[in-house]
């Protein structure tokens, strides 16, 4: 178990630079939440098609993922007000301010994150994984976590 955790942290950290490059080159409005099909059913994606995850350790509307956690699971931060595309409940959409001042998008009170291993739009590679003291899960349009 410890070996698997260490391996996933190493892989996540090494993928961080590749992930940030992929996000920068992707098309679409980054501050728009969308709903798309996945092998886990319909779940939330950003406007470029990257899956968004919730962290069970986060209290409502507050992120506790920082440091190594935020490198492996980058927060979904925006510079403009987030928007809801078709299928996304705009009433569940919000933001929270991170310790560094960045504005992180929330949905149903859950701070949203990417996974660095999801390098292409539509990928969901780290569903229901236990890391950094909590479980990472993709989010349904209703706001519930996919189990």
N, C-alpha and C. Protein backbone atom coordinates (compact mmCIF):
# COMPACT_ATOMS: atom_id res chain seq x y z
N UNK A 1 0.83 -1.19 0.00
CA UNK A 1 0.00 0.00 0.00
C UNK A 1 0.88 1.25 0.00
N UNK A 2 1.89 1.29 0.86
CA UNK A 2 2.79 2.45 0.91
C UNK A 2 3.54 2.59 -0.41
N UNK A 3 3.90 1.46 -1.00
CA UNK A 3 4.62 1.49 -2.27
C UNK A 3 3.73 2.06 -3.38
N UNK A 4 2.47 1.67 -3.39
CA UNK A 4 1.52 2.18 -4.39
C UNK A 4 1.34 3.69 -4.21
N UNK A 5 1.21 4.13 -2.98
CA UNK A 5 1.05 5.56 -2.70
C UNK A 5 2.28 6.33 -3.16
N UNK A 6 3.47 5.85 -2.82
CA UNK A 6 4.70 6.53 -3.21
C UNK A 6 4.81 6.59 -4.73
N UNK A 7 4.50 5.49 -5.39
CA UNK A 7 4.56 5.46 -6.84
C UNK A 7 3.58 6.46 -7.45
N UNK A 8 2.37 6.54 -6.90
CA UNK A 8 1.39 7.48 -7.46
C UNK A 8 1.82 8.92 -7.24
N UNK A 9 2.44 9.22 -6.11
CA UNK A 9 2.93 10.58 -5.85
C UNK A 9 4.05 10.93 -6.83
N UNK A 10 4.98 10.00 -7.04
CA UNK A 10 6.08 10.25 -7.97
C UNK A 10 5.56 10.46 -9.38
N UNK A 11 4.63 9.61 -9.81
CA UNK A 11 4.06 9.77 -11.15
C UNK A 11 3.29 11.08 -11.27
N UNK A 12 2.55 11.42 -10.23
CA UNK A 12 1.78 12.66 -10.26
C UNK A 12 2.68 13.88 -10.35
N UNK A 13 3.74 13.90 -9.58
CA UNK A 13 4.64 15.05 -9.60
C UNK A 13 5.37 15.16 -10.93
N UNK A 14 5.75 14.02 -11.51
CA UNK A 14 6.44 14.07 -12.79
C UNK A 14 5.50 14.48 -13.92
N UNK A 15 4.22 14.22 -13.75
CA UNK A 15 3.24 14.59 -14.78
C UNK A 15 2.78 16.04 -14.65
N UNK A 16 3.09 16.70 -13.55
CA UNK A 16 2.59 18.06 -13.30
C UNK A 16 2.94 19.03 -14.42
N UNK A 17 4.18 19.01 -14.87
CA UNK A 17 4.56 19.96 -15.91
C UNK A 17 3.87 19.63 -17.23
N UNK A 18 3.72 18.36 -17.54
CA UNK A 18 3.02 17.98 -18.77
C UNK A 18 1.56 18.40 -18.71
N UNK A 19 0.95 18.27 -17.53
CA UNK A 19 -0.45 18.65 -17.35
C UNK A 19 -0.65 20.14 -17.55
N UNK A 20 0.21 20.94 -16.96
CA UNK A 20 0.03 22.39 -17.09
C UNK A 20 0.19 22.81 -18.54
N UNK A 21 1.07 22.17 -19.29
CA UNK A 21 1.20 22.48 -20.71
C UNK A 21 -0.03 22.07 -21.49
N UNK A 22 -0.59 20.92 -21.16
CA UNK A 22 -1.79 20.46 -21.85
C UNK A 22 -2.95 21.41 -21.60
N UNK A 23 -3.08 21.90 -20.37
CA UNK A 23 -4.16 22.84 -20.07
C UNK A 23 -3.97 24.14 -20.82
N UNK A 24 -2.76 24.61 -20.91
CA UNK A 24 -2.50 25.88 -21.58
C UNK A 24 -2.83 25.80 -23.07
N UNK A 25 -2.62 24.63 -23.68
CA UNK A 25 -2.84 24.52 -25.11
C UNK A 25 -4.25 24.07 -25.47
N UNK A 26 -5.05 23.66 -24.48
CA UNK A 26 -6.41 23.20 -24.75
C UNK A 26 -7.32 24.36 -25.15
N UNK A 27 -8.38 24.06 -25.90
CA UNK A 27 -9.31 25.08 -26.37
C UNK A 27 -10.53 25.14 -25.47
N UNK A 28 -11.23 26.28 -25.52
CA UNK A 28 -12.49 26.43 -24.81
C UNK A 28 -12.36 27.34 -23.61
N UNK A 29 -13.50 27.88 -23.15
CA UNK A 29 -13.47 28.77 -21.99
C UNK A 29 -13.20 27.98 -20.71
N UNK A 30 -12.09 28.25 -20.04
CA UNK A 30 -11.73 27.46 -18.87
C UNK A 30 -12.66 27.66 -17.68
N UNK A 31 -13.38 28.78 -17.63
CA UNK A 31 -14.22 29.03 -16.47
C UNK A 31 -15.63 28.48 -16.62
N UNK A 32 -15.89 27.69 -17.66
CA UNK A 32 -17.21 27.11 -17.87
C UNK A 32 -17.23 25.66 -17.42
N UNK A 33 -18.19 25.32 -16.56
CA UNK A 33 -18.39 23.92 -16.18
C UNK A 33 -19.34 23.28 -17.17
N UNK A 34 -19.01 22.06 -17.58
CA UNK A 34 -19.83 21.31 -18.51
C UNK A 34 -20.14 19.94 -17.92
N UNK A 35 -21.06 19.25 -18.55
CA UNK A 35 -21.39 17.87 -18.18
C UNK A 35 -21.07 17.01 -19.39
N UNK A 36 -20.40 15.89 -19.14
CA UNK A 36 -20.06 14.99 -20.23
C UNK A 36 -20.17 13.54 -19.82
N UNK A 37 -20.17 12.69 -20.81
CA UNK A 37 -20.25 11.25 -20.58
C UNK A 37 -18.87 10.71 -20.20
N UNK A 38 -18.86 9.75 -19.30
CA UNK A 38 -17.64 9.06 -18.90
C UNK A 38 -18.00 7.62 -18.59
N UNK A 39 -17.01 6.81 -18.29
CA UNK A 39 -17.29 5.43 -17.91
C UNK A 39 -17.98 5.36 -16.55
N UNK A 40 -18.10 6.49 -15.86
CA UNK A 40 -18.77 6.56 -14.56
C UNK A 40 -20.13 7.25 -14.67
N UNK A 41 -20.60 7.43 -15.89
CA UNK A 41 -21.85 8.14 -16.13
C UNK A 41 -21.56 9.59 -16.47
N UNK A 42 -22.57 10.43 -16.38
CA UNK A 42 -22.41 11.85 -16.68
C UNK A 42 -21.78 12.55 -15.49
N UNK A 43 -20.67 13.24 -15.74
CA UNK A 43 -19.92 13.90 -14.68
C UNK A 43 -19.48 15.30 -15.14
N UNK A 44 -18.93 16.07 -14.20
CA UNK A 44 -18.49 17.43 -14.49
C UNK A 44 -17.11 17.47 -15.15
N UNK A 45 -16.99 18.38 -16.12
CA UNK A 45 -15.73 18.68 -16.79
C UNK A 45 -15.59 20.19 -16.87
N UNK A 46 -14.37 20.66 -17.07
CA UNK A 46 -14.20 22.09 -17.33
C UNK A 46 -14.54 22.35 -18.80
N UNK A 47 -14.47 23.60 -19.22
CA UNK A 47 -14.84 23.97 -20.58
C UNK A 47 -13.95 23.39 -21.65
N UNK A 48 -12.79 22.85 -21.26
CA UNK A 48 -11.89 22.22 -22.22
C UNK A 48 -12.03 20.71 -22.25
N UNK A 49 -12.92 20.19 -21.39
CA UNK A 49 -13.16 18.75 -21.38
C UNK A 49 -12.35 17.96 -20.37
N UNK A 50 -11.66 18.65 -19.44
CA UNK A 50 -10.89 17.95 -18.41
C UNK A 50 -11.78 17.63 -17.22
N UNK A 51 -11.69 16.39 -16.72
CA UNK A 51 -12.51 15.95 -15.60
C UNK A 51 -12.21 16.75 -14.35
N UNK A 52 -13.25 16.94 -13.53
CA UNK A 52 -13.13 17.64 -12.26
C UNK A 52 -13.46 16.68 -11.13
N UNK A 53 -12.70 16.77 -10.05
CA UNK A 53 -12.82 15.85 -8.92
C UNK A 53 -13.13 16.60 -7.64
N UNK A 54 -13.75 15.89 -6.71
CA UNK A 54 -13.96 16.37 -5.35
C UNK A 54 -13.12 15.54 -4.40
N UNK A 55 -12.78 16.13 -3.26
CA UNK A 55 -11.92 15.50 -2.24
C UNK A 55 -12.73 15.35 -0.97
N UNK A 56 -12.89 14.13 -0.49
CA UNK A 56 -13.74 13.88 0.67
C UNK A 56 -13.22 14.53 1.95
N UNK A 57 -11.96 14.88 1.99
CA UNK A 57 -11.39 15.48 3.20
C UNK A 57 -11.72 16.97 3.33
N UNK A 58 -12.07 17.61 2.23
CA UNK A 58 -12.40 19.04 2.28
C UNK A 58 -13.68 19.29 3.07
N UNK A 59 -13.63 20.25 4.00
CA UNK A 59 -14.89 20.70 4.60
C UNK A 59 -15.65 21.54 3.57
N UNK A 60 -16.89 21.82 3.82
CA UNK A 60 -17.71 22.58 2.86
C UNK A 60 -17.06 23.91 2.49
N UNK A 61 -16.92 24.13 1.19
CA UNK A 61 -16.41 25.39 0.61
C UNK A 61 -15.02 25.79 1.09
N UNK A 62 -14.19 24.81 1.47
CA UNK A 62 -12.82 25.11 1.89
C UNK A 62 -11.91 23.99 1.42
N UNK A 63 -10.78 24.37 0.84
CA UNK A 63 -9.81 23.38 0.38
C UNK A 63 -8.75 23.14 1.43
N UNK A 64 -8.45 21.88 1.69
CA UNK A 64 -7.34 21.53 2.59
C UNK A 64 -6.19 20.91 1.80
N UNK A 65 -6.33 20.87 0.49
CA UNK A 65 -5.30 20.28 -0.38
C UNK A 65 -4.30 21.37 -0.77
N UNK A 66 -3.07 21.25 -0.26
CA UNK A 66 -2.01 22.22 -0.54
C UNK A 66 -0.69 21.46 -0.69
N UNK A 67 0.36 22.14 -1.08
CA UNK A 67 1.68 21.52 -1.19
C UNK A 67 1.69 20.38 -2.19
N UNK A 68 2.22 19.22 -1.76
CA UNK A 68 2.31 18.05 -2.63
C UNK A 68 0.93 17.61 -3.12
N UNK A 69 -0.07 17.77 -2.27
CA UNK A 69 -1.44 17.42 -2.67
C UNK A 69 -1.87 18.27 -3.87
N UNK A 70 -1.65 19.57 -3.80
CA UNK A 70 -2.07 20.47 -4.88
C UNK A 70 -1.23 20.29 -6.15
N UNK A 71 -0.05 19.71 -6.03
CA UNK A 71 0.74 19.40 -7.23
C UNK A 71 0.14 18.19 -7.95
N UNK A 72 -0.27 17.18 -7.19
CA UNK A 72 -0.89 15.99 -7.77
C UNK A 72 -2.34 16.24 -8.18
N UNK A 73 -3.01 17.11 -7.45
CA UNK A 73 -4.42 17.42 -7.67
C UNK A 73 -4.58 18.94 -7.76
N UNK A 74 -4.19 19.55 -8.89
CA UNK A 74 -4.25 21.01 -9.00
C UNK A 74 -5.68 21.53 -8.83
N UNK A 75 -5.85 22.56 -8.03
CA UNK A 75 -7.19 23.14 -7.86
C UNK A 75 -7.67 23.77 -9.16
N UNK A 76 -8.96 23.73 -9.36
CA UNK A 76 -9.59 24.37 -10.53
C UNK A 76 -9.79 25.84 -10.17
N UNK A 77 -8.83 26.67 -10.55
CA UNK A 77 -8.88 28.10 -10.24
C UNK A 77 -9.24 28.89 -11.49
N UNK A 78 -9.89 30.02 -11.27
CA UNK A 78 -10.34 30.86 -12.38
C UNK A 78 -10.02 32.32 -12.09
N UNK A 79 -9.94 33.09 -13.16
CA UNK A 79 -9.74 34.54 -13.03
C UNK A 79 -11.04 35.29 -13.31
N UNK A 80 -12.01 34.60 -13.89
CA UNK A 80 -13.32 35.20 -14.17
C UNK A 80 -14.40 34.37 -13.49
N UNK A 81 -15.57 34.94 -13.38
CA UNK A 81 -16.68 34.24 -12.72
C UNK A 81 -16.99 32.94 -13.47
N UNK A 82 -17.09 31.81 -12.75
CA UNK A 82 -17.40 30.55 -13.43
C UNK A 82 -18.82 30.57 -14.00
N UNK A 83 -18.98 29.86 -15.13
CA UNK A 83 -20.28 29.79 -15.79
C UNK A 83 -20.73 28.34 -15.89
N UNK A 84 -22.04 28.16 -15.94
CA UNK A 84 -22.63 26.83 -16.05
C UNK A 84 -23.13 26.60 -17.47
N UNK A 85 -22.64 25.55 -18.12
CA UNK A 85 -23.14 25.15 -19.44
C UNK A 85 -24.39 24.29 -19.24
N UNK A 86 -24.99 23.86 -20.33
CA UNK A 86 -26.19 23.02 -20.27
C UNK A 86 -25.92 21.78 -19.42
N UNK A 87 -26.85 21.47 -18.54
CA UNK A 87 -26.72 20.29 -17.68
C UNK A 87 -26.08 20.57 -16.34
N UNK A 88 -25.47 21.74 -16.18
CA UNK A 88 -24.84 22.12 -14.91
C UNK A 88 -25.82 23.02 -14.17
N UNK A 89 -26.05 22.74 -12.89
CA UNK A 89 -26.96 23.54 -12.08
C UNK A 89 -26.23 24.80 -11.61
N UNK A 90 -26.57 25.94 -12.19
CA UNK A 90 -25.90 27.21 -11.86
C UNK A 90 -26.03 27.56 -10.38
N UNK A 91 -27.09 27.12 -9.72
CA UNK A 91 -27.26 27.41 -8.28
C UNK A 91 -26.25 26.66 -7.42
N UNK A 92 -25.66 25.60 -7.95
CA UNK A 92 -24.66 24.83 -7.18
C UNK A 92 -23.24 25.34 -7.43
N UNK A 93 -23.09 26.25 -8.36
CA UNK A 93 -21.78 26.76 -8.75
C UNK A 93 -21.36 27.91 -7.84
N UNK A 94 -20.11 27.87 -7.36
CA UNK A 94 -19.61 28.94 -6.50
C UNK A 94 -18.09 28.99 -6.53
N UNK A 95 -17.52 29.74 -5.60
CA UNK A 95 -16.07 29.85 -5.49
C UNK A 95 -15.67 29.92 -4.02
N UNK A 96 -14.40 29.67 -3.78
CA UNK A 96 -13.80 29.84 -2.47
C UNK A 96 -12.40 30.40 -2.69
N UNK A 97 -11.91 31.15 -1.73
CA UNK A 97 -10.57 31.72 -1.85
C UNK A 97 -9.58 30.80 -1.15
N UNK A 98 -8.52 30.43 -1.87
CA UNK A 98 -7.47 29.58 -1.33
C UNK A 98 -6.52 30.41 -0.46
N UNK A 99 -5.69 29.74 0.31
CA UNK A 99 -4.74 30.43 1.20
C UNK A 99 -3.81 31.36 0.43
N UNK A 100 -3.51 31.03 -0.83
CA UNK A 100 -2.62 31.87 -1.64
C UNK A 100 -3.36 33.00 -2.36
N UNK A 101 -4.65 33.12 -2.12
CA UNK A 101 -5.45 34.17 -2.73
C UNK A 101 -6.15 33.79 -4.02
N UNK A 102 -5.80 32.65 -4.61
CA UNK A 102 -6.43 32.21 -5.85
C UNK A 102 -7.90 31.86 -5.59
N UNK A 103 -8.73 32.04 -6.61
CA UNK A 103 -10.15 31.73 -6.52
C UNK A 103 -10.39 30.34 -7.11
N UNK A 104 -10.85 29.42 -6.26
CA UNK A 104 -11.11 28.04 -6.67
C UNK A 104 -12.60 27.84 -6.86
N UNK A 105 -12.98 27.17 -7.93
CA UNK A 105 -14.38 26.89 -8.22
C UNK A 105 -14.89 25.79 -7.30
N UNK A 106 -16.14 25.96 -6.83
CA UNK A 106 -16.82 24.94 -6.04
C UNK A 106 -18.10 24.53 -6.75
N UNK A 107 -18.56 23.33 -6.44
CA UNK A 107 -19.84 22.86 -6.95
C UNK A 107 -20.52 22.13 -5.81
N UNK A 108 -21.72 22.55 -5.48
CA UNK A 108 -22.45 22.01 -4.33
C UNK A 108 -21.59 22.13 -3.06
N UNK A 109 -20.81 23.20 -2.98
CA UNK A 109 -19.96 23.44 -1.82
C UNK A 109 -18.64 22.69 -1.83
N UNK A 110 -18.38 21.89 -2.85
CA UNK A 110 -17.14 21.11 -2.92
C UNK A 110 -16.11 21.83 -3.79
N UNK A 111 -14.93 22.11 -3.25
CA UNK A 111 -13.86 22.64 -4.10
C UNK A 111 -13.52 21.62 -5.19
N UNK A 112 -13.25 22.10 -6.39
CA UNK A 112 -12.99 21.23 -7.54
C UNK A 112 -11.51 21.20 -7.89
N UNK A 113 -11.07 20.03 -8.36
CA UNK A 113 -9.67 19.79 -8.68
C UNK A 113 -9.55 19.03 -9.99
N UNK A 114 -8.36 19.13 -10.58
CA UNK A 114 -7.95 18.27 -11.69
C UNK A 114 -7.08 17.16 -11.12
N UNK A 115 -6.82 16.13 -11.93
CA UNK A 115 -5.80 15.14 -11.60
C UNK A 115 -4.71 15.25 -12.66
N UNK A 116 -3.45 15.37 -12.25
CA UNK A 116 -2.36 15.59 -13.21
C UNK A 116 -2.21 14.45 -14.21
N UNK A 117 -2.64 13.26 -13.87
CA UNK A 117 -2.52 12.14 -14.79
C UNK A 117 -3.54 12.16 -15.92
N UNK A 118 -4.61 12.95 -15.77
CA UNK A 118 -5.59 13.12 -16.85
C UNK A 118 -5.00 14.10 -17.85
N UNK A 119 -4.34 13.59 -18.87
CA UNK A 119 -3.61 14.45 -19.80
C UNK A 119 -4.39 14.83 -21.04
N UNK A 120 -5.50 14.14 -21.28
CA UNK A 120 -6.32 14.44 -22.45
C UNK A 120 -7.75 14.74 -22.01
N UNK A 121 -8.42 15.55 -22.78
CA UNK A 121 -9.83 15.83 -22.51
C UNK A 121 -10.60 14.51 -22.49
N UNK A 122 -11.52 14.40 -21.54
CA UNK A 122 -12.36 13.22 -21.43
C UNK A 122 -11.80 12.11 -20.56
N UNK A 123 -10.53 12.18 -20.19
CA UNK A 123 -9.94 11.13 -19.35
C UNK A 123 -10.41 11.26 -17.90
N UNK A 124 -10.66 10.10 -17.28
CA UNK A 124 -10.95 10.02 -15.84
C UNK A 124 -10.11 8.85 -15.33
N UNK A 125 -8.87 9.14 -14.94
CA UNK A 125 -7.93 8.08 -14.60
C UNK A 125 -7.75 7.83 -13.10
N UNK A 126 -8.34 8.65 -12.26
CA UNK A 126 -8.06 8.49 -10.83
C UNK A 126 -9.32 8.57 -9.98
N UNK A 127 -10.37 7.90 -10.42
CA UNK A 127 -11.64 7.88 -9.71
C UNK A 127 -11.57 6.95 -8.49
N UNK A 128 -12.10 7.43 -7.36
CA UNK A 128 -12.23 6.63 -6.14
C UNK A 128 -10.88 6.19 -5.59
N UNK A 129 -9.91 7.08 -5.65
CA UNK A 129 -8.56 6.80 -5.17
C UNK A 129 -8.34 7.48 -3.83
N UNK A 130 -7.71 6.75 -2.92
CA UNK A 130 -7.40 7.29 -1.59
C UNK A 130 -5.98 7.84 -1.58
N UNK A 131 -5.88 9.17 -1.42
CA UNK A 131 -4.58 9.85 -1.32
C UNK A 131 -4.74 11.10 -0.47
N UNK A 132 -3.66 11.46 0.22
CA UNK A 132 -3.60 12.69 1.01
C UNK A 132 -4.70 12.76 2.06
N UNK A 133 -5.05 11.62 2.62
CA UNK A 133 -5.99 11.58 3.74
C UNK A 133 -7.45 11.60 3.36
N UNK A 134 -7.77 11.47 2.09
CA UNK A 134 -9.16 11.46 1.65
C UNK A 134 -9.32 10.66 0.37
N UNK A 135 -10.52 10.66 -0.15
CA UNK A 135 -10.82 9.92 -1.38
C UNK A 135 -11.19 10.93 -2.46
N UNK A 136 -10.68 10.70 -3.65
CA UNK A 136 -10.90 11.57 -4.81
C UNK A 136 -11.95 10.94 -5.70
N UNK A 137 -13.01 11.71 -6.02
CA UNK A 137 -14.09 11.18 -6.84
C UNK A 137 -14.59 12.23 -7.82
N UNK A 138 -15.00 11.76 -8.99
CA UNK A 138 -15.64 12.67 -9.94
C UNK A 138 -17.03 13.02 -9.43
N UNK A 139 -17.61 14.07 -10.00
CA UNK A 139 -18.83 14.66 -9.45
C UNK A 139 -19.97 14.61 -10.47
N UNK A 140 -21.12 14.19 -9.99
CA UNK A 140 -22.33 14.16 -10.82
C UNK A 140 -22.90 15.58 -10.97
N UNK A 141 -23.71 15.82 -11.99
CA UNK A 141 -24.34 17.14 -12.15
C UNK A 141 -25.24 17.52 -10.96
N UNK A 142 -25.69 16.54 -10.20
CA UNK A 142 -26.50 16.82 -9.01
C UNK A 142 -25.67 17.33 -7.85
N UNK A 143 -24.34 17.22 -7.95
CA UNK A 143 -23.44 17.63 -6.88
C UNK A 143 -22.91 16.49 -6.05
N UNK A 144 -23.45 15.30 -6.22
CA UNK A 144 -22.99 14.14 -5.47
C UNK A 144 -21.71 13.56 -6.06
N UNK A 145 -20.93 12.93 -5.20
CA UNK A 145 -19.71 12.26 -5.65
C UNK A 145 -20.04 10.87 -6.18
N UNK A 146 -19.39 10.48 -7.26
CA UNK A 146 -19.57 9.14 -7.82
C UNK A 146 -18.80 8.16 -6.95
N UNK A 147 -19.45 7.12 -6.49
CA UNK A 147 -18.78 6.13 -5.64
C UNK A 147 -18.27 4.97 -6.44
